[in-house]
Protein backbone atom coordinates (compact mmCIF):
# COMPACT_ATOMS: atom_id res chain seq x y z
CA UNK A 1 -5.61 11.84 17.67
CA UNK A 2 -5.36 8.80 19.93
CA UNK A 3 -8.32 6.46 20.36
CA UNK A 4 -8.97 4.18 23.30
CA UNK A 5 -10.33 0.73 22.54
CA UNK A 6 -12.91 1.29 25.29
CA UNK A 7 -16.02 3.19 24.26
CA UNK A 8 -19.81 3.35 24.05
CA UNK A 9 -22.21 4.80 21.51
CA UNK A 10 -26.00 4.85 21.13
CA UNK A 11 -28.21 6.30 18.43
CA UNK A 12 -31.92 6.11 17.65
CA UNK A 13 -33.60 6.97 14.36
CA UNK A 14 -37.24 6.87 13.21
CA UNK A 15 -38.23 7.08 9.55
CA UNK A 16 -41.46 6.05 7.78
CA UNK A 17 -42.92 4.39 10.89
CA UNK A 18 -39.71 2.37 11.34
CA UNK A 19 -37.75 2.86 14.55
CA UNK A 20 -34.19 1.64 14.79
CA UNK A 21 -31.89 1.80 17.82
CA UNK A 22 -28.23 0.80 17.81
CA UNK A 23 -26.02 0.51 20.87
CA UNK A 24 -22.35 -0.37 20.64
CA UNK A 25 -19.65 -0.86 23.23
CA UNK A 26 -16.06 -2.04 23.09
CA UNK A 27 -13.16 -3.21 25.23
CA UNK A 28 -9.51 -3.75 24.40
CA UNK A 29 -8.60 -6.70 22.19
CA UNK A 30 -5.56 -7.69 20.21
CA UNK A 31 -7.51 -7.82 16.95
CA UNK A 32 -10.67 -6.41 15.33
CA UNK A 33 -13.47 -8.58 16.75
CA UNK A 34 -17.10 -7.62 16.11
CA UNK A 35 -20.21 -9.33 17.49
CA UNK A 36 -23.59 -8.15 16.13
CA UNK A 37 -26.96 -9.02 17.66
CA UNK A 38 -29.95 -7.96 15.56
CA UNK A 39 -33.29 -9.21 14.17
CA UNK A 40 -32.91 -12.24 11.96
CA UNK A 41 -34.29 -10.47 8.88
CA UNK A 42 -31.40 -7.97 9.04
CA UNK A 43 -28.80 -10.75 8.71
CA UNK A 44 -28.26 -9.93 5.03
CA UNK A 45 -26.71 -6.61 6.06
CA UNK A 46 -24.16 -7.99 8.52
CA UNK A 47 -21.19 -8.00 6.11
CA UNK A 48 -21.94 -4.41 5.06
CA UNK A 49 -22.17 -3.35 8.70
CA UNK A 50 -18.78 -4.90 9.48
CA UNK A 51 -17.19 -3.14 6.50
CA UNK A 52 -18.78 0.17 7.51
CA UNK A 53 -17.50 -0.18 11.08
CA UNK A 54 -13.88 -0.42 9.89
CA UNK A 55 -14.07 3.30 9.09
CA UNK A 56 -14.34 3.96 12.83
CA UNK A 57 -12.28 1.24 14.51
CA UNK A 58 -9.18 -0.79 13.73
CA UNK A 59 -8.88 -2.91 16.89
CA UNK A 60 -10.99 -3.92 19.86
CA UNK A 61 -13.78 -6.30 20.82
CA UNK A 62 -16.97 -4.51 19.75
CA UNK A 63 -20.50 -5.62 20.64
CA UNK A 64 -23.37 -4.13 18.61
CA UNK A 65 -27.05 -4.42 19.56
CA UNK A 66 -29.73 -3.55 16.98
CA UNK A 67 -33.37 -3.08 18.02
CA UNK A 68 -36.07 -2.64 15.37
CA UNK A 69 -39.73 -1.68 15.70
CA UNK A 70 -42.38 -1.19 13.01
CA UNK A 71 -44.60 1.54 14.46
CA UNK A 72 -47.32 0.89 11.87
CA UNK A 73 -47.87 -2.59 13.34
CA UNK A 74 -48.05 -4.09 9.87
CA UNK A 75 -44.70 -5.82 9.72
CA UNK A 76 -46.13 -9.31 10.35
CA UNK A 77 -48.97 -11.37 8.85
CA UNK A 78 -50.79 -14.44 10.16
CA UNK A 79 -50.46 -17.34 7.72
CA UNK A 80 -52.72 -20.42 7.55
CA UNK A 81 -51.34 -23.67 6.15
CA UNK A 82 -54.49 -25.49 4.96
CA UNK A 83 -52.66 -28.49 3.49
CA UNK A 84 -50.86 -29.11 6.76
CA UNK A 85 -54.12 -28.75 8.74
CA UNK A 86 -55.69 -31.38 6.48
CA UNK A 87 -52.81 -33.75 7.21
CA UNK A 88 -53.22 -33.23 10.96
CA UNK A 89 -56.97 -33.98 10.79
CA UNK A 90 -56.36 -37.11 8.71
CA UNK A 91 -53.88 -38.52 11.23
CA UNK A 92 -56.00 -37.49 14.23
CA UNK A 93 -58.84 -39.59 12.76
CA UNK A 94 -56.49 -42.53 12.10
CA UNK A 95 -55.34 -42.41 15.73
CA UNK A 96 -59.02 -42.45 16.78
CA UNK A 97 -59.71 -45.55 14.66
CA UNK A 98 -56.52 -47.40 15.68
CA UNK A 99 -57.13 -46.98 19.39
CA UNK A 100 -60.90 -46.64 19.58
CA UNK A 101 -60.72 -43.18 21.06
CA UNK A 102 -63.51 -40.64 21.42
CA UNK A 103 -63.74 -38.23 18.49
CA UNK A 104 -62.88 -34.84 20.01
CA UNK A 105 -61.15 -33.16 17.08
CA UNK A 106 -61.84 -29.43 17.42
CA UNK A 107 -60.83 -26.21 15.74
CA UNK A 108 -58.77 -25.36 18.81
CA UNK A 109 -56.84 -28.63 18.59
CA UNK A 110 -56.06 -28.25 14.89
CA UNK A 111 -55.16 -24.57 15.10
CA UNK A 112 -52.66 -25.27 17.90
CA UNK A 113 -50.90 -27.92 15.86
CA UNK A 114 -47.37 -26.81 14.87
CA UNK A 115 -47.10 -24.63 11.76
CA UNK A 116 -50.84 -24.61 10.99
CA UNK A 117 -50.98 -20.97 12.02
CA UNK A 118 -47.76 -18.94 11.94
CA UNK A 119 -46.54 -15.36 11.89
CA UNK A 120 -44.52 -14.28 8.88
CA UNK A 121 -42.66 -11.05 8.39
CA UNK A 122 -43.63 -8.91 5.47
CA UNK A 123 -41.11 -8.70 2.67
CA UNK A 124 -38.77 -5.79 3.35
CA UNK A 125 -37.48 -3.13 1.01
CA UNK A 126 -33.76 -3.91 1.31
CA UNK A 127 -32.58 -0.55 0.04
CA UNK A 128 -34.87 1.37 2.38
CA UNK A 129 -33.93 -0.75 5.39
CA UNK A 130 -30.20 -0.55 4.59
CA UNK A 131 -30.33 3.25 4.35
CA UNK A 132 -32.09 3.42 7.71
CA UNK A 133 -29.66 0.93 9.21
CA UNK A 134 -26.60 2.68 7.78
CA UNK A 135 -27.71 6.13 9.00
CA UNK A 136 -28.43 4.77 12.47
CA UNK A 137 -25.12 2.92 12.56
CA UNK A 138 -23.27 6.04 11.47
CA UNK A 139 -24.87 8.03 14.29
CA UNK A 140 -23.92 5.37 16.84
CA UNK A 141 -20.39 5.17 15.43
CA UNK A 142 -19.93 8.93 15.75
CA UNK A 143 -20.98 8.82 19.41
CA UNK A 144 -18.76 5.78 19.83
CA UNK A 145 -15.78 7.57 18.26
CA UNK A 146 -16.31 10.64 20.47
CA UNK A 147 -16.23 8.49 23.60
CA UNK A 148 -13.11 6.66 22.44
CA UNK A 149 -11.37 9.93 21.55
CA UNK A 150 -12.13 11.42 24.96
CA UNK A 151 -10.79 8.32 26.70
CA UNK A 152 -7.80 8.33 24.35
CA UNK A 153 -6.96 11.91 25.38
CA UNK A 154 -7.05 10.86 29.03
CA UNK A 155 -4.72 7.95 28.27
CA UNK A 156 -2.36 10.25 26.40
CA UNK A 157 -2.17 12.73 29.29
CA UNK A 158 -1.59 9.95 31.80
CA UNK A 159 1.17 8.39 29.69
CA UNK A 160 2.85 11.76 29.14
CA UNK A 161 2.96 12.24 32.90
CA UNK A 162 4.44 8.78 33.45
CA UNK A 163 7.06 9.36 30.73
CA UNK A 164 8.03 12.64 32.38
CA UNK A 165 8.54 10.79 35.67
CA UNK A 166 10.70 8.26 33.83
CA UNK A 167 12.83 11.05 32.39
CA UNK A 168 13.52 12.38 35.88
CA UNK A 169 14.46 8.90 37.11
CA UNK A 170 16.80 8.35 34.14
CA UNK A 171 18.50 11.68 34.88
CA UNK A 172 19.03 10.56 38.48
CA UNK A 173 20.79 7.40 37.27
CA UNK A 174 22.89 9.53 34.92
CA UNK A 175 23.89 11.88 37.75
CA UNK A 176 24.55 9.10 40.22
CA UNK A 177 26.82 6.93 38.01
CA UNK A 178 29.95 9.18 38.20
CA UNK A 179 29.45 9.52 41.96
CA UNK A 180 29.35 5.72 42.35
CA UNK A 181 32.62 5.48 40.41
CA UNK A 182 34.30 8.13 42.56
CA UNK A 183 33.09 6.51 45.77
CA UNK A 184 34.48 3.19 44.59
CA UNK A 185 37.84 4.79 43.86
CA UNK A 186 38.00 6.29 47.36
CA UNK A 187 37.04 3.00 48.99
CA UNK A 188 39.67 1.18 46.93
CA UNK A 189 42.34 3.68 47.93
CA UNK A 190 41.39 3.42 51.59
CA UNK A 191 41.44 -0.37 51.43
CA UNK A 192 44.82 -0.50 49.73
CA UNK A 193 46.19 2.07 52.14
CA UNK A 194 45.03 -0.11 55.01
CA UNK A 195 46.66 -3.18 53.48
CA UNK A 196 49.98 -1.59 52.56
CA UNK A 197 49.99 0.79 55.52
CA UNK A 198 52.52 3.52 54.76
CA UNK A 199 53.85 1.96 51.62
CA UNK A 200 53.54 4.05 48.47
CA UNK A 201 50.38 3.07 46.57
CA UNK A 202 50.71 2.43 42.87
CA UNK A 203 48.26 4.88 41.22
CA UNK A 204 48.30 2.91 37.99
CA UNK A 205 47.08 -0.18 39.84
CA UNK A 206 44.20 1.79 41.34
CA UNK A 207 43.38 3.31 37.96
CA UNK A 208 43.33 -0.14 36.41
CA UNK A 209 40.93 -1.47 39.03
CA UNK A 210 38.68 1.57 38.68
CA UNK A 211 38.58 1.15 34.91
CA UNK A 212 37.55 -2.48 35.26
CA UNK A 213 34.82 -1.54 37.73
CA UNK A 214 33.63 1.32 35.55
CA UNK A 215 33.39 -1.00 32.57
CA UNK A 216 31.24 -3.47 34.52
CA UNK A 217 28.81 -0.91 35.91
CA UNK A 218 28.70 1.51 32.95
CA UNK A 219 25.11 2.11 31.83
CA UNK A 220 25.73 4.96 29.39
CA UNK A 221 24.43 3.00 26.40
CA UNK A 222 21.32 1.89 28.29
CA UNK A 223 20.61 5.44 29.40
CA UNK A 224 20.96 6.76 25.84
CA UNK A 225 18.62 4.10 24.45
CA UNK A 226 16.12 4.55 27.26
CA UNK A 227 16.04 8.31 26.70
CA UNK A 228 15.53 7.70 22.99
CA UNK A 229 12.62 5.32 23.63
CA UNK A 230 10.97 7.84 25.96
CA UNK A 231 11.27 10.65 23.43
CA UNK A 232 10.02 8.45 20.60
CA UNK A 233 6.99 7.42 22.64
CA UNK A 234 6.24 11.06 23.46
CA UNK A 235 6.44 11.93 19.77
CA UNK A 236 4.14 9.06 18.80
CA UNK A 237 1.61 10.14 21.43
CA UNK A 238 1.66 13.67 20.04
CA UNK A 239 1.24 12.50 16.44
CA UNK A 240 -1.54 10.03 17.29
CA UNK A 241 -2.97 7.43 14.92
CA UNK A 242 -3.06 3.64 15.25
CA UNK A 243 -0.02 3.40 17.52
CA UNK A 244 -1.07 0.84 20.14
CA UNK A 245 1.03 -2.07 18.83
CA UNK A 246 4.06 0.15 18.23
CA UNK A 247 3.92 1.63 21.72
CA UNK A 248 3.67 -1.85 23.22
CA UNK A 249 6.86 -2.87 21.40
CA UNK A 250 8.68 0.29 22.56
CA UNK A 251 7.58 -0.38 26.15
CA UNK A 252 9.10 -3.88 25.91
CA UNK A 253 12.39 -2.34 24.79
CA UNK A 254 12.24 0.14 27.68
CA UNK A 255 11.82 -2.75 30.10
CA UNK A 256 14.83 -4.50 28.57
CA UNK A 257 17.05 -1.44 29.16
CA UNK A 258 15.76 -1.01 32.73
CA UNK A 259 16.55 -4.67 33.43
CA UNK A 260 20.12 -4.19 32.20
CA UNK A 261 20.59 -1.11 34.39
CA UNK A 262 19.29 -3.06 37.37
CA UNK A 263 21.62 -6.00 36.68
CA UNK A 264 24.65 -3.68 36.42
CA UNK A 265 23.75 -1.61 39.48
CA UNK A 266 26.38 -1.81 42.21
CA UNK A 267 24.78 0.89 44.28
CA UNK A 268 21.62 0.84 46.38
CA UNK A 269 20.37 4.18 45.10
CA UNK A 270 20.75 3.14 41.45
CA UNK A 271 19.08 -0.19 42.25
CA UNK A 272 16.08 1.58 43.78
CA UNK A 273 15.82 3.95 40.82
CA UNK A 274 15.95 1.03 38.36
CA UNK A 275 13.20 -0.77 40.27
CA UNK A 276 11.14 2.44 40.13
CA UNK A 277 11.74 2.61 36.37
CA UNK A 278 10.52 -0.96 35.90
CA UNK A 279 7.42 -0.23 37.97
CA UNK A 280 6.65 2.86 35.89
CA UNK A 281 7.21 0.97 32.63
CA UNK A 282 4.79 -1.75 33.76
CA UNK A 283 2.14 0.91 34.44
CA UNK A 284 2.77 2.36 30.99
CA UNK A 285 2.37 -1.06 29.36
CA UNK A 286 -0.94 -1.60 31.13
CA UNK A 287 -2.27 1.71 29.81
CA UNK A 288 -0.97 1.04 26.30
CA UNK A 289 -3.10 -2.11 26.13
CA UNK A 290 -6.15 0.18 25.88
CA UNK A 291 -4.85 2.21 22.94
CA UNK A 292 -5.97 1.30 19.43
């Protein structure tokens, strides 16, 4: 199976008054790049989450968003720092004495002083939270994988169609090459006939010139290699797996062969076909960038 690097997955799970929601989305990327946004107290699980995710993705830029809610409402406690409050009061009174200010120290003033009153999360059961997190992540990953597989199938079908078009264009070059050679021979004969008028034309001289021309414009090796690359890419697409990098390399080799055909072309029709091949190969390379 072929996977696209573009996908989306979302899963929500509620257990023991704890509600967890995970959303994940990805785009194409050269490497495996994961960015996780989640509550600070879940930071201890980040390494485990990254390792778990490798079971579902090998490449791509993946963003993961974790939302947590304690439905019991008992996940936080209000904490009072008496020692700090005493320090505040002491310095408020010193300021009053130093500057002769009116004594207006109130409960409201002290309680609003930084860190006197604060909210603290309850200690969490790491095993319980990890199990909830892992199960939610697994659900999101499965949805994520389904979306990537569906997109991968679309990419495969599109690439197969483009490769089939390339095969037809290659066959046209193959059919046209002998015709170009024969047309050159006729033109050469007509030109020499015009030059020498009624004089007997040396067939060996014409044959020699034709051979030289044929050697310059021969693209048999390029056609064979291009056909091989097309068939190999079709086979890789059928077999599936992590083939993105390999296909990109094959596409580069295809482009190299198409460039050589274009440079050797001494015929407008072959030139146009070679340009069409390069255009199709560029489209294929763009699609390959989305394959894992």
